[in-house]
Structure formats: C-alpha cells, structure tokens
Amino acid sequence: MKQTVKWLAAALIALGLNQAVWADDVSDFRENLQAAAQGNAAAQYNLGAMYYKGHGVRQDRALAQEWLGKAC
C-alpha cells in the first residue's frame, strides 16, 4: 500500500510539473505572436517551430510552414 501511495504521489507531481511547463510554453507563444505580427523574423521562426512541435499551441504543420516562410 505504501509503495502505491509513493508512486501515485510521484505521478501527481510529474503531472503538475508538466502543466507548469505547458503554461510557460503558452506564455512564450503569446509573446512570440505579438512580436511576429510586428515583423520580427526571430519571433516568426519561433512560432513556426512551436507550431511544428506543438509547444504552447496545437501542432499544426501547415501553420508551421507558413510562419517559417515569413521568417525568411
């Protein structure tokens, strides 16, 4: 029983940390979106990479290609 509780606690901690990372990704996405809209090529590249990998946003390869194209 004690072993089960330890594993459950570890899993809950891991899930909580994952949510914290996701929140950071969402914040980074929003910042890059604002800068990209103003023509910042580095932010446009970052958005392309985020869309490609699905960091902070749903994975969308078409939008990734669009933003990466704007960055060039």
N, C-alpha and C. Protein backbone atom coordinates (compact mmCIF):
# COMPACT_ATOMS: atom_id res chain seq x y z
N MET A 1 0.83 -1.20 0.00
CA MET A 1 0.00 0.00 0.00
C MET A 1 0.87 1.26 0.00
N LYS A 2 1.91 1.26 0.85
CA LYS A 2 2.77 2.44 0.92
C LYS A 2 3.46 2.69 -0.42
N GLN A 3 3.84 1.61 -1.09
CA GLN A 3 4.51 1.74 -2.39
C GLN A 3 3.56 2.36 -3.42
N THR A 4 2.31 1.97 -3.38
CA THR A 4 1.31 2.52 -4.30
C THR A 4 1.12 4.01 -4.06
N VAL A 5 1.08 4.40 -2.81
CA VAL A 5 0.91 5.82 -2.47
C VAL A 5 2.12 6.62 -2.96
N LYS A 6 3.32 6.06 -2.81
CA LYS A 6 4.53 6.75 -3.29
C LYS A 6 4.48 6.95 -4.80
N TRP A 7 4.08 5.90 -5.53
CA TRP A 7 4.00 6.01 -6.98
C TRP A 7 2.93 7.00 -7.42
N LEU A 8 1.82 6.98 -6.72
CA LEU A 8 0.74 7.91 -7.04
C LEU A 8 1.19 9.36 -6.79
N ALA A 9 1.87 9.59 -5.68
CA ALA A 9 2.36 10.93 -5.37
C ALA A 9 3.37 11.39 -6.42
N ALA A 10 4.26 10.50 -6.83
CA ALA A 10 5.26 10.84 -7.84
C ALA A 10 4.58 11.18 -9.17
N ALA A 11 3.55 10.42 -9.52
CA ALA A 11 2.83 10.68 -10.77
C ALA A 11 2.13 12.03 -10.73
N LEU A 12 1.52 12.36 -9.61
CA LEU A 12 0.83 13.65 -9.48
C LEU A 12 1.80 14.81 -9.55
N ILE A 13 2.96 14.65 -8.94
CA ILE A 13 3.99 15.70 -9.00
C ILE A 13 4.44 15.88 -10.44
N ALA A 14 4.69 14.78 -11.14
CA ALA A 14 5.13 14.85 -12.53
C ALA A 14 4.09 15.54 -13.41
N LEU A 15 2.82 15.23 -13.19
CA LEU A 15 1.76 15.88 -13.96
C LEU A 15 1.70 17.37 -13.67
N GLY A 16 1.89 17.74 -12.42
CA GLY A 16 1.88 19.15 -12.05
C GLY A 16 3.02 19.91 -12.70
N LEU A 17 4.20 19.30 -12.74
CA LEU A 17 5.34 19.95 -13.37
C LEU A 17 5.12 20.09 -14.87
N ASN A 18 4.50 19.09 -15.46
CA ASN A 18 4.20 19.16 -16.89
C ASN A 18 3.25 20.31 -17.19
N GLN A 19 2.27 20.54 -16.34
CA GLN A 19 1.35 21.66 -16.54
C GLN A 19 2.06 23.00 -16.42
N ALA A 20 3.04 23.08 -15.51
CA ALA A 20 3.81 24.32 -15.36
C ALA A 20 4.60 24.61 -16.63
N VAL A 21 5.19 23.59 -17.21
CA VAL A 21 5.95 23.76 -18.45
C VAL A 21 5.00 24.19 -19.57
N TRP A 22 3.82 23.58 -19.66
CA TRP A 22 2.84 23.94 -20.68
C TRP A 22 2.45 25.41 -20.55
N ALA A 23 2.26 25.88 -19.31
CA ALA A 23 1.89 27.28 -19.10
C ALA A 23 3.00 28.21 -19.60
N ASP A 24 4.26 27.83 -19.37
CA ASP A 24 5.37 28.63 -19.88
C ASP A 24 5.37 28.66 -21.40
N ASP A 25 5.08 27.51 -22.02
CA ASP A 25 5.03 27.44 -23.48
C ASP A 25 3.93 28.35 -24.03
N VAL A 26 2.78 28.36 -23.38
CA VAL A 26 1.67 29.21 -23.83
C VAL A 26 2.06 30.68 -23.72
N SER A 27 2.71 31.05 -22.63
CA SER A 27 3.16 32.43 -22.44
C SER A 27 4.18 32.81 -23.52
N ASP A 28 5.13 31.91 -23.79
CA ASP A 28 6.12 32.16 -24.84
C ASP A 28 5.45 32.31 -26.20
N PHE A 29 4.44 31.48 -26.45
CA PHE A 29 3.72 31.56 -27.72
C PHE A 29 3.08 32.93 -27.89
N ARG A 30 2.41 33.40 -26.86
CA ARG A 30 1.74 34.71 -26.94
C ARG A 30 2.73 35.84 -27.19
N GLU A 31 3.86 35.79 -26.50
CA GLU A 31 4.87 36.84 -26.69
C GLU A 31 5.42 36.81 -28.11
N ASN A 32 5.70 35.61 -28.61
CA ASN A 32 6.22 35.49 -29.97
C ASN A 32 5.18 35.91 -31.00
N LEU A 33 3.92 35.62 -30.74
CA LEU A 33 2.86 36.01 -31.67
C LEU A 33 2.78 37.53 -31.82
N GLN A 34 2.89 38.23 -30.70
CA GLN A 34 2.85 39.70 -30.76
C GLN A 34 4.04 40.25 -31.54
N ALA A 35 5.22 39.72 -31.26
CA ALA A 35 6.42 40.21 -31.95
C ALA A 35 6.39 39.83 -33.43
N ALA A 36 5.91 38.63 -33.73
CA ALA A 36 5.84 38.18 -35.13
C ALA A 36 4.88 39.05 -35.93
N ALA A 37 3.80 39.46 -35.32
CA ALA A 37 2.82 40.31 -36.00
C ALA A 37 3.43 41.66 -36.38
N GLN A 38 4.47 42.06 -35.66
CA GLN A 38 5.16 43.32 -35.95
C GLN A 38 6.34 43.12 -36.90
N GLY A 39 6.48 41.90 -37.43
CA GLY A 39 7.52 41.64 -38.43
C GLY A 39 8.83 41.12 -37.88
N ASN A 40 8.89 40.74 -36.63
CA ASN A 40 10.12 40.22 -36.04
C ASN A 40 10.39 38.82 -36.58
N ALA A 41 11.47 38.69 -37.38
CA ALA A 41 11.78 37.42 -38.04
C ALA A 41 12.11 36.31 -37.05
N ALA A 42 12.81 36.64 -35.97
CA ALA A 42 13.15 35.62 -34.97
C ALA A 42 11.89 35.07 -34.31
N ALA A 43 10.94 35.95 -34.02
CA ALA A 43 9.67 35.52 -33.43
C ALA A 43 8.86 34.69 -34.42
N GLN A 44 8.91 35.06 -35.69
CA GLN A 44 8.21 34.29 -36.72
C GLN A 44 8.80 32.88 -36.81
N TYR A 45 10.11 32.78 -36.74
CA TYR A 45 10.76 31.47 -36.75
C TYR A 45 10.35 30.66 -35.51
N ASN A 46 10.37 31.33 -34.35
CA ASN A 46 9.97 30.65 -33.12
C ASN A 46 8.54 30.12 -33.21
N LEU A 47 7.64 30.92 -33.76
CA LEU A 47 6.25 30.47 -33.93
C LEU A 47 6.19 29.25 -34.84
N GLY A 48 6.95 29.28 -35.91
CA GLY A 48 6.98 28.12 -36.80
C GLY A 48 7.44 26.88 -36.08
N ALA A 49 8.48 27.02 -35.27
CA ALA A 49 8.99 25.88 -34.51
C ALA A 49 7.97 25.41 -33.48
N MET A 50 7.29 26.35 -32.84
CA MET A 50 6.29 25.98 -31.83
C MET A 50 5.11 25.25 -32.46
N TYR A 51 4.66 25.74 -33.60
CA TYR A 51 3.57 25.05 -34.30
C TYR A 51 4.03 23.66 -34.77
N TYR A 52 5.25 23.57 -35.24
CA TYR A 52 5.77 22.29 -35.73
C TYR A 52 5.84 21.25 -34.62
N LYS A 53 6.31 21.68 -33.45
CA LYS A 53 6.49 20.75 -32.32
C LYS A 53 5.26 20.64 -31.42
N GLY A 54 4.35 21.61 -31.54
CA GLY A 54 3.18 21.61 -30.67
C GLY A 54 3.48 22.12 -29.28
N HIS A 55 4.41 23.07 -29.16
CA HIS A 55 4.76 23.66 -27.86
C HIS A 55 3.96 24.93 -27.65
N GLY A 56 3.07 24.92 -26.66
CA GLY A 56 2.28 26.10 -26.34
C GLY A 56 1.07 26.29 -27.22
N VAL A 57 0.91 25.42 -28.19
CA VAL A 57 -0.17 25.52 -29.16
C VAL A 57 -0.38 24.13 -29.77
N ARG A 58 -1.56 23.90 -30.34
CA ARG A 58 -1.77 22.62 -31.01
C ARG A 58 -0.85 22.49 -32.21
N GLN A 59 -0.31 21.30 -32.39
CA GLN A 59 0.59 21.06 -33.51
C GLN A 59 -0.16 21.28 -34.82
N ASP A 60 0.45 22.08 -35.70
CA ASP A 60 -0.16 22.38 -36.99
C ASP A 60 0.97 22.61 -37.99
N ARG A 61 1.26 21.60 -38.78
CA ARG A 61 2.40 21.68 -39.70
C ARG A 61 2.18 22.72 -40.80
N ALA A 62 0.95 22.96 -41.20
CA ALA A 62 0.68 23.97 -42.24
C ALA A 62 1.00 25.37 -41.71
N LEU A 63 0.56 25.68 -40.49
CA LEU A 63 0.89 26.98 -39.90
C LEU A 63 2.39 27.09 -39.61
N ALA A 64 3.00 25.98 -39.25
CA ALA A 64 4.44 25.99 -39.03
C ALA A 64 5.16 26.40 -40.30
N GLN A 65 4.78 25.82 -41.40
CA GLN A 65 5.39 26.15 -42.69
C GLN A 65 5.14 27.61 -43.05
N GLU A 66 3.94 28.10 -42.78
CA GLU A 66 3.61 29.49 -43.09
C GLU A 66 4.50 30.46 -42.30
N TRP A 67 4.62 30.23 -40.99
CA TRP A 67 5.43 31.13 -40.16
C TRP A 67 6.91 31.01 -40.49
N LEU A 68 7.38 29.81 -40.76
CA LEU A 68 8.78 29.64 -41.13
C LEU A 68 9.08 30.35 -42.45
N GLY A 69 8.12 30.32 -43.36
CA GLY A 69 8.28 31.03 -44.63
C GLY A 69 8.35 32.53 -44.44
N LYS A 70 7.57 33.07 -43.51
CA LYS A 70 7.59 34.51 -43.23
C LYS A 70 8.91 34.93 -42.60
N ALA A 71 9.54 34.01 -41.88
CA ALA A 71 10.79 34.33 -41.19
C ALA A 71 11.96 34.51 -42.15
N CYS A 72 11.85 33.95 -43.34
CA CYS A 72 12.96 34.02 -44.31
C CYS A 72 13.00 35.33 -45.04
